[in-house]
Amino acid sequence: MVVVVEAIGLKKVFRTRDKAPGLRASLSGLVAPRYREVEAVVDIDLRIERGEVLAFIGPNGAGKSTTIKMLTGILYPSAGEARVLGLVPWRDRQKLAFKIASVFGQRSQLWYHLPPGDSLDLLAHIYEIDPPTYRARLRHLVAQFEIEHLLQVPVRKLSLGERMRCEIVGSLLHRPAIVFLDEPTIGLDVVAKQRIRQHIRELNEHEGTTVFLTSHDAGDVEQLCRRVIMINHGRVVFDDSVVALKQRFLRNKRIELKLLEPVAAFEMPGVHLVRHEDYEIVVDVDTRLQPIEAAVARLMSGARVADVSIEDPPLEDIIAAMYLHQSERSP
């Protein structure tokens, strides 16, 4: 496989002014300011292959945005090396800009008072796309993202979901090999999220575009990505598949029974009763303390069961457990 992103020992240290409380300290700081160093990213190693859809996750302040800014050439690292599509991002930023794209859920590249069509025309000039190629590419993307009826509507009148589809189209005009998506579904309703995810999936499948995704939405990770990298306190603490993530941090199983007749209360070590009604029992089983088979057998032995289901907890619960586990291990 072709490696499109590779980073070795990437590090970023910010020097910030140390402000002490009080008037005397403030006046002293004007004459002899004190500074302290904050490590935002510490010795990060990355290796991403062409065509991957990667989730880059972590708590707020973990170093995700700083890492992306170094990989896109916006920031110089304090130490380490990186190559994106064979280019050093901070040294070859202009060349790299023609090969990658970035979409930020809370920032816009579209002009607020203009319709998206005008912004797309301008972006085509910025990326030096010749008119015939641009028109063909625009027709394809407009059809794929279903935005033809939005092209002449001022951006200020679009819903957030409509604007995000137009934003992504604008980022894809020059056929980037890698797209950096930072919270692309933030603030969207369920239907809009599903549409954005579907378009991203089709983009990856049909054009082989590598997708580098940061998101706090577990649905984005579960529905789009096969691989997850978690960063915490500037360090990579997990790098494996979504399946491996679940296997490593999945501790509970939920069992739900539909009953033909009421039963007495249920107690068993390692089993937490979530809901107990006349014709329904729902429990969570800690598989470290109680095998799931034993819990199911015990439940079914004392009841006439109409239906039974065993489910994993939502991925967002698993990710929350990851964050908690890492915070407990942090100094």
C-alpha atoms as a PDB file:
ATOM      1  CA  MET A   1       0.000   0.000   0.000  1.00  0.00           C
ATOM      2  CA  VAL A   2       1.038   3.592  -0.651  1.00  0.00           C
ATOM      3  CA  VAL A   3       1.742   5.671   2.460  1.00  0.00           C
ATOM      4  CA  VAL A   4       0.315   9.187   2.079  1.00  0.00           C
ATOM      5  CA  VAL A   5       0.951  10.552   5.587  1.00  0.00           C
ATOM      6  CA  GLU A   6       3.977   9.713   7.681  1.00  0.00           C
ATOM      7  CA  ALA A   7       5.136  11.475  10.828  1.00  0.00           C
ATOM      8  CA  ILE A   8       8.007  10.559  13.135  1.00  0.00           C
ATOM      9  CA  GLY A   9       8.527  12.147  16.542  1.00  0.00           C
ATOM     10  CA  LEU A  10       6.300  15.111  15.719  1.00  0.00           C
ATOM     11  CA  LYS A  11       6.317  17.638  18.546  1.00  0.00           C
ATOM     12  CA  LYS A  12       4.904  21.110  19.135  1.00  0.00           C
ATOM     13  CA  VAL A  13       5.730  23.329  22.096  1.00  0.00           C
ATOM     14  CA  PHE A  14       4.008  26.665  22.606  1.00  0.00           C
ATOM     15  CA  ARG A  15       5.673  29.423  24.618  1.00  0.00           C
ATOM     16  CA  THR A  16       3.082  31.333  26.597  1.00  0.00           C
ATOM     17  CA  ARG A  17       3.331  34.275  28.922  1.00  0.00           C
ATOM     18  CA  ASP A  18       2.947  33.339  32.577  1.00  0.00           C
ATOM     19  CA  LYS A  19       0.514  35.760  34.197  1.00  0.00           C
ATOM     20  CA  ALA A  20       0.434  35.972  37.969  1.00  0.00           C
ATOM     21  CA  PRO A  21      -2.532  37.488  39.821  1.00  0.00           C
ATOM     22  CA  GLY A  22      -2.361  40.905  41.432  1.00  0.00           C
ATOM     23  CA  LEU A  23      -1.373  44.428  40.406  1.00  0.00           C
ATOM     24  CA  ARG A  24       2.251  44.119  41.557  1.00  0.00           C
ATOM     25  CA  ALA A  25       2.757  40.936  39.531  1.00  0.00           C
ATOM     26  CA  SER A  26       1.118  42.543  36.488  1.00  0.00           C
ATOM     27  CA  LEU A  27       3.447  45.570  36.655  1.00  0.00           C
ATOM     28  CA  SER A  28       6.450  43.299  37.182  1.00  0.00           C
ATOM     29  CA  GLY A  29       5.394  41.259  34.170  1.00  0.00           C
ATOM     30  CA  LEU A  30       5.560  44.347  31.971  1.00  0.00           C
ATOM     31  CA  VAL A  31       9.209  44.921  32.894  1.00  0.00           C
ATOM     32  CA  ALA A  32      10.426  41.326  33.152  1.00  0.00           C
ATOM     33  CA  PRO A  33       7.831  38.997  31.658  1.00  0.00           C
ATOM     34  CA  ARG A  34       8.003  35.325  32.492  1.00  0.00           C
ATOM     35  CA  TYR A  35       7.228  32.590  30.035  1.00  0.00           C
ATOM     36  CA  ARG A  36       6.414  28.910  30.294  1.00  0.00           C
ATOM     37  CA  GLU A  37       6.389  26.154  27.713  1.00  0.00           C
ATOM     38  CA  VAL A  38       3.321  24.058  26.998  1.00  0.00           C
ATOM     39  CA  GLU A  39       3.708  20.775  25.111  1.00  0.00           C
ATOM     40  CA  ALA A  40       0.677  20.473  22.831  1.00  0.00           C
ATOM     41  CA  VAL A  41       1.981  17.488  20.844  1.00  0.00           C
ATOM     42  CA  VAL A  42       4.634  15.079  22.119  1.00  0.00           C
ATOM     43  CA  ASP A  43       6.515  12.615  19.884  1.00  0.00           C
ATOM     44  CA  ILE A  44       3.639  11.584  17.636  1.00  0.00           C
ATOM     45  CA  ASP A  45       4.234   8.845  15.063  1.00  0.00           C
ATOM     46  CA  LEU A  46       1.666   8.428  12.272  1.00  0.00           C
ATOM     47  CA  ARG A  47       1.463   6.236   9.191  1.00  0.00           C
ATOM     48  CA  ILE A  48      -1.631   6.495   7.003  1.00  0.00           C
ATOM     49  CA  GLU A  49      -2.138   4.603   3.761  1.00  0.00           C
ATOM     50  CA  ARG A  50      -3.935   5.764   0.635  1.00  0.00           C
ATOM     51  CA  GLY A  51      -7.690   5.225   0.755  1.00  0.00           C
ATOM     52  CA  GLU A  52      -7.988   4.942   4.534  1.00  0.00           C
ATOM     53  CA  VAL A  53     -10.828   6.566   6.440  1.00  0.00           C
ATOM     54  CA  LEU A  54      -9.214   7.335   9.770  1.00  0.00           C
ATOM     55  CA  ALA A  55     -10.765   8.667  12.976  1.00  0.00           C
ATOM     56  CA  PHE A  56      -8.431  10.929  14.955  1.00  0.00           C
ATOM     57  CA  ILE A  57     -10.102  11.344  18.337  1.00  0.00           C
ATOM     58  CA  GLY A  58      -9.375  12.599  21.829  1.00  0.00           C
ATOM     59  CA  PRO A  59     -10.664  14.904  24.562  1.00  0.00           C
ATOM     60  CA  ASN A  60     -10.715  18.664  24.093  1.00  0.00           C
ATOM     61  CA  GLY A  61      -7.184  20.014  24.354  1.00  0.00           C
ATOM     62  CA  ALA A  62      -5.594  16.672  23.512  1.00  0.00           C
ATOM     63  CA  GLY A  63      -3.615  18.075  20.555  1.00  0.00           C
ATOM     64  CA  LYS A  64      -5.814  17.055  17.599  1.00  0.00           C
ATOM     65  CA  SER A  65      -6.065  20.486  15.963  1.00  0.00           C
ATOM     66  CA  THR A  66      -2.367  21.209  16.513  1.00  0.00           C
ATOM     67  CA  THR A  67      -1.465  17.933  14.795  1.00  0.00           C
ATOM     68  CA  ILE A  68      -3.716  18.717  11.823  1.00  0.00           C
ATOM     69  CA  LYS A  69      -2.222  22.209  11.504  1.00  0.00           C
ATOM     70  CA  MET A  70       1.270  20.723  11.332  1.00  0.00           C
ATOM     71  CA  LEU A  71       0.226  18.101   8.771  1.00  0.00           C
ATOM     72  CA  THR A  72      -1.373  20.797   6.593  1.00  0.00           C
ATOM     73  CA  GLY A  73       1.591  23.168   6.892  1.00  0.00           C
ATOM     74  CA  ILE A  74      -0.095  25.865   8.982  1.00  0.00           C
ATOM     75  CA  LEU A  75       2.247  25.300  11.948  1.00  0.00           C
ATOM     76  CA  TYR A  76       5.924  24.485  12.121  1.00  0.00           C
ATOM     77  CA  PRO A  77       6.738  21.637  14.514  1.00  0.00           C
ATOM     78  CA  SER A  78       9.176  22.139  17.361  1.00  0.00           C
ATOM     79  CA  ALA A  79      10.785  18.797  16.512  1.00  0.00           C
ATOM     80  CA  GLY A  80      10.216  15.718  14.381  1.00  0.00           C
ATOM     81  CA  GLU A  81       9.556  14.994  10.742  1.00  0.00           C
ATOM     82  CA  ALA A  82       6.474  14.626   8.570  1.00  0.00           C
ATOM     83  CA  ARG A  83       5.651  13.995   4.951  1.00  0.00           C
ATOM     84  CA  VAL A  84       2.235  14.312   3.374  1.00  0.00           C
ATOM     85  CA  LEU A  85       2.001  12.994  -0.194  1.00  0.00           C
ATOM     86  CA  GLY A  86       5.791  13.106  -0.305  1.00  0.00           C
ATOM     87  CA  LEU A  87       5.963  16.778   0.698  1.00  0.00           C
ATOM     88  CA  VAL A  88       7.133  18.419   3.915  1.00  0.00           C
ATOM     89  CA  PRO A  89       3.971  20.346   4.864  1.00  0.00           C
ATOM     90  CA  TRP A  90       5.496  23.478   6.446  1.00  0.00           C
ATOM     91  CA  ARG A  91       8.173  23.752   3.769  1.00  0.00           C
ATOM     92  CA  ASP A  92       6.041  22.909   0.711  1.00  0.00           C
ATOM     93  CA  ARG A  93       2.744  24.374   1.905  1.00  0.00           C
ATOM     94  CA  GLN A  94       1.767  25.952  -1.422  1.00  0.00           C
ATOM     95  CA  LYS A  95       2.376  22.755  -3.399  1.00  0.00           C
ATOM     96  CA  LEU A  96       0.572  20.711  -0.771  1.00  0.00           C
ATOM     97  CA  ALA A  97      -2.473  22.994  -0.844  1.00  0.00           C
ATOM     98  CA  PHE A  98      -3.224  21.813  -4.388  1.00  0.00           C
ATOM     99  CA  LYS A  99      -3.270  18.169  -3.243  1.00  0.00           C
ATOM    100  CA  ILE A 100      -5.183  18.272   0.033  1.00  0.00           C
ATOM    101  CA  ALA A 101      -8.356  19.860   1.387  1.00  0.00           C
ATOM    102  CA  SER A 102      -9.638  20.865   4.812  1.00  0.00           C
ATOM    103  CA  VAL A 103     -13.221  21.239   5.982  1.00  0.00           C
ATOM    104  CA  PHE A 104     -13.949  22.695   9.409  1.00  0.00           C
ATOM    105  CA  GLY A 105     -17.431  22.315  10.819  1.00  0.00           C
ATOM    106  CA  GLN A 106     -17.349  25.708  12.530  1.00  0.00           C
ATOM    107  CA  ARG A 107     -15.529  27.699   9.837  1.00  0.00           C
ATOM    108  CA  SER A 108     -16.583  28.498   6.318  1.00  0.00           C
ATOM    109  CA  GLN A 109     -14.738  28.981   3.054  1.00  0.00           C
ATOM    110  CA  LEU A 110     -17.949  30.195   1.397  1.00  0.00           C
ATOM    111  CA  TRP A 111     -18.751  33.900   1.255  1.00  0.00           C
ATOM    112  CA  TYR A 112     -21.600  34.537   3.661  1.00  0.00           C
ATOM    113  CA  HIS A 113     -23.656  36.946   1.520  1.00  0.00           C
ATOM    114  CA  LEU A 114     -22.962  35.277  -1.840  1.00  0.00           C
ATOM    115  CA  PRO A 115     -24.596  32.146  -3.251  1.00  0.00           C
ATOM    116  CA  PRO A 116     -22.401  29.017  -3.190  1.00  0.00           C
ATOM    117  CA  GLY A 117     -22.138  29.027  -6.986  1.00  0.00           C
ATOM    118  CA  ASP A 118     -20.142  32.269  -6.900  1.00  0.00           C
ATOM    119  CA  SER A 119     -17.810  30.966  -4.196  1.00  0.00           C
ATOM    120  CA  LEU A 120     -17.235  27.753  -6.152  1.00  0.00           C
ATOM    121  CA  ASP A 121     -16.340  29.768  -9.265  1.00  0.00           C
ATOM    122  CA  LEU A 122     -13.790  31.733  -7.254  1.00  0.00           C
ATOM    123  CA  LEU A 123     -12.319  28.580  -5.714  1.00  0.00           C
ATOM    124  CA  ALA A 124     -11.868  27.147  -9.211  1.00  0.00           C
ATOM    125  CA  HIS A 125      -9.728  30.184 -10.083  1.00  0.00           C
ATOM    126  CA  ILE A 126      -7.745  29.848  -6.846  1.00  0.00           C
ATOM    127  CA  TYR A 127      -6.973  26.204  -7.629  1.00  0.00           C
ATOM    128  CA  GLU A 128      -6.218  27.081 -11.279  1.00  0.00           C
ATOM    129  CA  ILE A 129      -8.733  24.610 -12.700  1.00  0.00           C
ATOM    130  CA  ASP A 130      -9.342  25.132 -16.413  1.00  0.00           C
ATOM    131  CA  PRO A 131     -12.996  25.945 -17.295  1.00  0.00           C
ATOM    132  CA  PRO A 132     -13.952  22.694 -19.093  1.00  0.00           C
ATOM    133  CA  THR A 133     -12.485  20.548 -16.296  1.00  0.00           C
ATOM    134  CA  TYR A 134     -14.159  22.728 -13.668  1.00  0.00           C
ATOM    135  CA  ARG A 135     -17.583  22.545 -15.283  1.00  0.00           C
ATOM    136  CA  ALA A 136     -17.398  18.754 -15.610  1.00  0.00           C
ATOM    137  CA  ARG A 137     -16.183  18.354 -12.036  1.00  0.00           C
ATOM    138  CA  LEU A 138     -18.831  20.724 -10.712  1.00  0.00           C
ATOM    139  CA  ARG A 139     -21.637  18.848 -12.510  1.00  0.00           C
ATOM    140  CA  HIS A 140     -20.456  15.592 -10.981  1.00  0.00           C
ATOM    141  CA  LEU A 141     -20.186  16.969  -7.435  1.00  0.00           C
ATOM    142  CA  VAL A 142     -23.456  18.887  -7.619  1.00  0.00           C
ATOM    143  CA  ALA A 143     -25.261  15.695  -8.596  1.00  0.00           C
ATOM    144  CA  GLN A 144     -23.443  13.575  -5.997  1.00  0.00           C
ATOM    145  CA  PHE A 145     -24.106  15.976  -3.099  1.00  0.00           C
ATOM    146  CA  GLU A 146     -27.552  17.050  -4.357  1.00  0.00           C
ATOM    147  CA  ILE A 147     -26.969  20.807  -4.150  1.00  0.00           C
ATOM    148  CA  GLU A 148     -28.169  22.052  -7.564  1.00  0.00           C
ATOM    149  CA  HIS A 149     -31.135  23.858  -5.984  1.00  0.00           C
ATOM    150  CA  LEU A 150     -28.769  25.572  -3.504  1.00  0.00           C
ATOM    151  CA  LEU A 151     -26.232  27.085  -5.893  1.00  0.00           C
ATOM    152  CA  GLN A 152     -28.038  30.437  -6.267  1.00  0.00           C
ATOM    153  CA  VAL A 153     -29.239  30.779  -2.670  1.00  0.00           C
ATOM    154  CA  PRO A 154     -27.153  33.123  -0.469  1.00  0.00           C
ATOM    155  CA  VAL A 155     -25.128  31.130   2.039  1.00  0.00           C
ATOM    156  CA  ARG A 156     -26.711  33.049   4.934  1.00  0.00           C
ATOM    157  CA  LYS A 157     -30.079  31.502   4.006  1.00  0.00           C
ATOM    158  CA  LEU A 158     -28.861  27.894   3.950  1.00  0.00           C
ATOM    159  CA  SER A 159     -29.359  25.468   6.801  1.00  0.00           C
ATOM    160  CA  LEU A 160     -26.224  24.142   8.483  1.00  0.00           C
ATOM    161  CA  GLY A 161     -26.555  20.786   6.727  1.00  0.00           C
ATOM    162  CA  GLU A 162     -26.994  22.453   3.323  1.00  0.00           C
ATOM    163  CA  ARG A 163     -23.987  24.697   3.952  1.00  0.00           C
ATOM    164  CA  MET A 164     -21.820  21.725   4.953  1.00  0.00           C
ATOM    165  CA  ARG A 165     -22.633  19.901   1.717  1.00  0.00           C
ATOM    166  CA  CYS A 166     -21.626  22.999  -0.238  1.00  0.00           C
ATOM    167  CA  GLU A 167     -18.454  23.347   1.864  1.00  0.00           C
ATOM    168  CA  ILE A 168     -17.420  19.782   1.062  1.00  0.00           C
ATOM    169  CA  VAL A 169     -18.107  20.301  -2.648  1.00  0.00           C
ATOM    170  CA  GLY A 170     -15.882  23.384  -2.569  1.00  0.00           C
ATOM    171  CA  SER A 171     -13.072  21.403  -0.955  1.00  0.00           C
ATOM    172  CA  LEU A 172     -13.280  18.638  -3.587  1.00  0.00           C
ATOM    173  CA  LEU A 173     -13.174  20.736  -6.755  1.00  0.00           C
ATOM    174  CA  HIS A 174      -9.437  20.166  -7.283  1.00  0.00           C
ATOM    175  CA  ARG A 175      -9.633  16.395  -6.610  1.00  0.00           C
ATOM    176  CA  PRO A 176      -7.575  16.331  -3.390  1.00  0.00           C
ATOM    177  CA  ALA A 177      -5.887  13.072  -2.475  1.00  0.00           C
ATOM    178  CA  ILE A 178      -6.490  13.693   1.249  1.00  0.00           C
ATOM    179  CA  VAL A 179      -9.385  15.473   2.957  1.00  0.00           C
ATOM    180  CA  PHE A 180      -9.032  16.641   6.544  1.00  0.00           C
ATOM    181  CA  LEU A 181     -12.513  16.826   8.096  1.00  0.00           C
ATOM    182  CA  ASP A 182     -12.751  18.550  11.463  1.00  0.00           C
ATOM    183  CA  GLU A 183     -16.171  17.953  13.075  1.00  0.00           C
ATOM    184  CA  PRO A 184     -18.067  17.828   9.739  1.00  0.00           C
ATOM    185  CA  THR A 185     -21.398  16.896  11.369  1.00  0.00           C
ATOM    186  CA  ILE A 186     -21.289  19.198  14.398  1.00  0.00           C
ATOM    187  CA  GLY A 187     -24.656  20.775  15.092  1.00  0.00           C
ATOM    188  CA  LEU A 188     -26.485  18.798  12.386  1.00  0.00           C
ATOM    189  CA  ASP A 189     -29.757  16.963  12.861  1.00  0.00           C
ATOM    190  CA  VAL A 190     -29.956  13.188  12.428  1.00  0.00           C
ATOM    191  CA  VAL A 191     -31.033  13.292   8.771  1.00  0.00           C
ATOM    192  CA  ALA A 192     -28.347  15.804   7.773  1.00  0.00           C
ATOM    193  CA  LYS A 193     -25.679  13.748   9.557  1.00  0.00           C
ATOM    194  CA  GLN A 194     -26.689  10.620   7.675  1.00  0.00           C
ATOM    195  CA  ARG A 195     -26.507  12.420   4.336  1.00  0.00           C
ATOM    196  CA  ILE A 196     -23.058  13.874   5.050  1.00  0.00           C
ATOM    197  CA  ARG A 197     -21.770  10.461   6.153  1.00  0.00           C
ATOM    198  CA  GLN A 198     -23.184   8.824   3.039  1.00  0.00           C
ATOM    199  CA  HIS A 199     -21.465  11.384   0.797  1.00  0.00           C
ATOM    200  CA  ILE A 200     -18.126  10.949   2.584  1.00  0.00           C
ATOM    201  CA  ARG A 201     -18.411   7.164   2.259  1.00  0.00           C
ATOM    202  CA  GLU A 202     -19.171   7.418  -1.469  1.00  0.00           C
ATOM    203  CA  LEU A 203     -16.271   9.828  -1.959  1.00  0.00           C
ATOM    204  CA  ASN A 204     -13.878   7.337  -0.418  1.00  0.00           C
ATOM    205  CA  GLU A 205     -15.300   4.335  -2.282  1.00  0.00           C
ATOM    206  CA  HIS A 206     -15.572   5.921  -5.738  1.00  0.00           C
ATOM    207  CA  GLU A 207     -12.501   8.184  -5.811  1.00  0.00           C
ATOM    208  CA  GLY A 208     -10.228   6.492  -3.291  1.00  0.00           C
ATOM    209  CA  THR A 209      -9.842   9.722  -1.330  1.00  0.00           C
ATOM    210  CA  THR A 210      -8.069   9.383   2.002  1.00  0.00           C
ATOM    211  CA  VAL A 211     -10.183  10.839   4.806  1.00  0.00           C
ATOM    212  CA  PHE A 212      -8.642  12.127   8.049  1.00  0.00           C
ATOM    213  CA  LEU A 213     -11.591  12.686  10.373  1.00  0.00           C
ATOM    214  CA  THR A 214     -11.764  14.312  13.785  1.00  0.00           C
ATOM    215  CA  SER A 215     -15.089  14.118  15.556  1.00  0.00           C
ATOM    216  CA  HIS A 216     -16.685  13.885  18.981  1.00  0.00           C
ATOM    217  CA  ASP A 217     -19.668  12.134  17.382  1.00  0.00           C
ATOM    218  CA  ALA A 218     -19.360   8.386  17.870  1.00  0.00           C
ATOM    219  CA  GLY A 219     -21.718   7.852  14.928  1.00  0.00           C
ATOM    220  CA  ASP A 220     -19.154   9.407  12.577  1.00  0.00           C
ATOM    221  CA  VAL A 221     -16.476   7.029  13.850  1.00  0.00           C
ATOM    222  CA  GLU A 222     -18.628   3.902  13.807  1.00  0.00           C
ATOM    223  CA  GLN A 223     -20.253   4.458  10.417  1.00  0.00           C
ATOM    224  CA  LEU A 224     -17.267   5.799   8.478  1.00  0.00           C
ATOM    225  CA  CYS A 225     -13.998   4.556   9.947  1.00  0.00           C
ATOM    226  CA  ARG A 226     -12.208   1.242  10.220  1.00  0.00           C
ATOM    227  CA  ARG A 227      -9.226   2.608  12.130  1.00  0.00           C
ATOM    228  CA  VAL A 228      -9.050   4.839  15.201  1.00  0.00           C
ATOM    229  CA  ILE A 229      -6.142   6.840  16.576  1.00  0.00           C
ATOM    230  CA  MET A 230      -6.717   8.315  20.009  1.00  0.00           C
ATOM    231  CA  ILE A 231      -4.536  11.151  21.268  1.00  0.00           C
ATOM    232  CA  ASN A 232      -4.413  12.362  24.861  1.00  0.00           C
ATOM    233  CA  HIS A 233      -2.127  14.985  26.405  1.00  0.00           C
ATOM    234  CA  GLY A 234      -0.378  15.249  23.043  1.00  0.00           C
ATOM    235  CA  ARG A 235       0.505  11.563  22.809  1.00  0.00           C
ATOM    236  CA  VAL A 236      -0.933   8.696  20.771  1.00  0.00           C
ATOM    237  CA  VAL A 237      -2.442   6.276  23.283  1.00  0.00           C
ATOM    238  CA  PHE A 238      -4.396   3.991  20.928  1.00  0.00           C
ATOM    239  CA  ASP A 239      -3.951   3.111  17.259  1.00  0.00           C
ATOM    240  CA  ASP A 240      -5.962   0.159  15.977  1.00  0.00           C
ATOM    241  CA  SER A 241      -9.225  -0.845  14.319  1.00  0.00           C
ATOM    242  CA  VAL A 242     -12.696   0.076  15.575  1.00  0.00           C
ATOM    243  CA  VAL A 243     -13.242  -3.640  16.226  1.00  0.00           C
ATOM    244  CA  ALA A 244     -10.117  -3.793  18.403  1.00  0.00           C
ATOM    245  CA  LEU A 245     -11.260  -0.676  20.247  1.00  0.00           C
ATOM    246  CA  LYS A 246     -14.514  -2.389  21.180  1.00  0.00           C
ATOM    247  CA  GLN A 247     -12.756  -5.587  22.199  1.00  0.00           C
ATOM    248  CA  ARG A 248     -10.285  -3.757  24.416  1.00  0.00           C
ATOM    249  CA  PHE A 249     -12.640  -1.339  26.158  1.00  0.00           C
ATOM    250  CA  LEU A 250     -15.962  -3.161  25.924  1.00  0.00           C
ATOM    251  CA  ARG A 251     -16.714  -4.356  29.431  1.00  0.00           C
ATOM    252  CA  ASN A 252     -20.505  -4.576  29.550  1.00  0.00           C
ATOM    253  CA  LYS A 253     -23.199  -6.365  27.609  1.00  0.00           C
ATOM    254  CA  ARG A 254     -26.878  -5.479  27.816  1.00  0.00           C
ATOM    255  CA  ILE A 255     -29.454  -8.276  27.949  1.00  0.00           C
ATOM    256  CA  GLU A 256     -33.114  -7.514  27.345  1.00  0.00           C
ATOM    257  CA  LEU A 257     -35.806 -10.145  27.940  1.00  0.00           C
ATOM    258  CA  LYS A 258     -39.453  -9.965  26.875  1.00  0.00           C
ATOM    259  CA  LEU A 259     -41.480 -12.188  29.216  1.00  0.00           C
ATOM    260  CA  LEU A 260     -44.665 -14.221  28.869  1.00  0.00           C
ATOM    261  CA  GLU A 261     -45.435 -13.835  32.595  1.00  0.00           C
ATOM    262  CA  PRO A 262     -44.104 -11.696  35.482  1.00  0.00           C
ATOM    263  CA  VAL A 263     -41.105 -12.917  37.489  1.00  0.00           C
ATOM    264  CA  ALA A 264     -39.503 -11.991  40.803  1.00  0.00           C
ATOM    265  CA  ALA A 265     -36.601  -9.578  41.145  1.00  0.00           C
ATOM    266  CA  PHE A 266     -33.287 -10.787  39.738  1.00  0.00           C
ATOM    267  CA  GLU A 267     -29.898 -10.629  41.513  1.00  0.00           C
ATOM    268  CA  MET A 268     -26.511 -11.991  40.415  1.00  0.00           C
ATOM    269  CA  PRO A 269     -22.889 -10.874  41.001  1.00  0.00           C
ATOM    270  CA  GLY A 270     -21.634  -8.691  38.157  1.00  0.00           C
ATOM    271  CA  VAL A 271     -25.171  -8.080  36.855  1.00  0.00           C
ATOM    272  CA  HIS A 272     -26.803  -4.656  37.239  1.00  0.00           C
ATOM    273  CA  LEU A 273     -30.570  -4.415  36.933  1.00  0.00           C
ATOM    274  CA  VAL A 274     -31.475  -1.559  34.567  1.00  0.00           C
ATOM    275  CA  ARG A 275     -35.225  -2.067  34.312  1.00  0.00           C
ATOM    276  CA  HIS A 276     -37.673  -4.572  35.781  1.00  0.00           C
ATOM    277  CA  GLU A 277     -41.309  -4.486  34.719  1.00  0.00           C
ATOM    278  CA  ASP A 278     -44.040  -7.133  34.639  1.00  0.00           C
ATOM    279  CA  TYR A 279     -43.153  -8.390  31.176  1.00  0.00           C
ATOM    280  CA  GLU A 280     -39.637  -7.066  30.679  1.00  0.00           C
ATOM    281  CA  ILE A 281     -36.206  -7.335  32.308  1.00  0.00           C
ATOM    282  CA  VAL A 282     -33.145  -5.331  31.195  1.00  0.00           C
ATOM    283  CA  VAL A 283     -29.732  -5.908  32.783  1.00  0.00           C
ATOM    284  CA  ASP A 284     -26.126  -4.873  32.180  1.00  0.00           C
ATOM    285  CA  VAL A 285     -23.529  -7.621  32.618  1.00  0.00           C
ATOM    286  CA  ASP A 286     -19.938  -6.833  33.576  1.00  0.00           C
ATOM    287  CA  THR A 287     -18.186  -9.547  31.584  1.00  0.00           C
ATOM    288  CA  ARG A 288     -15.081  -9.253  33.776  1.00  0.00           C
ATOM    289  CA  LEU A 289     -17.114 -10.531  36.726  1.00  0.00           C
ATOM    290  CA  GLN A 290     -19.742 -12.702  35.091  1.00  0.00           C
ATOM    291  CA  PRO A 291     -19.656 -14.680  31.812  1.00  0.00           C
ATOM    292  CA  ILE A 292     -22.457 -13.605  29.518  1.00  0.00           C
ATOM    293  CA  GLU A 293     -23.519 -17.239  29.037  1.00  0.00           C
ATOM    294  CA  ALA A 294     -24.046 -17.719  32.776  1.00  0.00           C
ATOM    295  CA  ALA A 295     -26.121 -14.559  33.046  1.00  0.00           C
ATOM    296  CA  VAL A 296     -28.345 -15.547  30.119  1.00  0.00           C
ATOM    297  CA  ALA A 297     -28.811 -19.082  31.492  1.00  0.00           C
ATOM    298  CA  ARG A 298     -29.763 -17.763  34.928  1.00  0.00           C
ATOM    299  CA  LEU A 299     -32.245 -15.290  33.482  1.00  0.00           C
ATOM    300  CA  MET A 300     -33.927 -17.830  31.238  1.00  0.00           C
ATOM    301  CA  SER A 301     -34.054 -20.564  33.870  1.00  0.00           C
ATOM    302  CA  GLY A 302     -36.462 -18.650  36.047  1.00  0.00           C
ATOM    303  CA  ALA A 303     -38.757 -17.141  33.429  1.00  0.00           C
ATOM    304  CA  ARG A 304     -40.881 -17.966  30.415  1.00  0.00           C
ATOM    305  CA  VAL A 305     -39.217 -15.896  27.725  1.00  0.00           C
ATOM    306  CA  ALA A 306     -40.894 -14.552  24.584  1.00  0.00           C
ATOM    307  CA  ASP A 307     -37.777 -12.884  23.184  1.00  0.00           C
ATOM    308  CA  VAL A 308     -34.178 -12.114  24.185  1.00  0.00           C
ATOM    309  CA  SER A 309     -31.603  -9.694  22.784  1.00  0.00           C
ATOM    310  CA  ILE A 310     -27.943  -9.141  23.678  1.00  0.00           C
ATOM    311  CA  GLU A 311     -26.355  -5.859  22.612  1.00  0.00           C
ATOM    312  CA  ASP A 312     -23.117  -3.926  22.993  1.00  0.00           C
ATOM    313  CA  PRO A 313     -23.317  -0.493  24.613  1.00  0.00           C
ATOM    314  CA  PRO A 314     -23.224   2.508  22.236  1.00  0.00           C
ATOM    315  CA  LEU A 315     -19.787   3.337  20.838  1.00  0.00           C
ATOM    316  CA  GLU A 316     -19.932   6.725  22.549  1.00  0.00           C
ATOM    317  CA  ASP A 317     -19.994   4.911  25.906  1.00  0.00           C
ATOM    318  CA  ILE A 318     -16.931   2.900  24.902  1.00  0.00           C
ATOM    319  CA  ILE A 319     -15.069   6.056  23.822  1.00  0.00           C
ATOM    320  CA  ALA A 320     -16.042   7.746  27.087  1.00  0.00           C
ATOM    321  CA  ALA A 321     -14.581   4.751  28.933  1.00  0.00           C
ATOM    322  CA  MET A 322     -11.365   5.174  26.927  1.00  0.00           C
ATOM    323  CA  TYR A 323     -11.113   8.827  27.910  1.00  0.00           C
ATOM    324  CA  LEU A 324     -11.757   7.981  31.565  1.00  0.00           C
ATOM    325  CA  HIS A 325      -9.178   5.195  31.486  1.00  0.00           C
ATOM    326  CA  GLN A 326      -6.542   7.522  30.031  1.00  0.00           C
ATOM    327  CA  SER A 327      -7.305  10.353  32.445  1.00  0.00           C
ATOM    328  CA  GLU A 328      -6.875   7.963  35.395  1.00  0.00           C
ATOM    329  CA  ARG A 329      -3.495   6.889  34.047  1.00  0.00           C
ATOM    330  CA  SER A 330      -2.305  10.458  33.430  1.00  0.00           C
ATOM    331  CA  PRO A 331       0.035  11.988  35.997  1.00  0.00           C
END
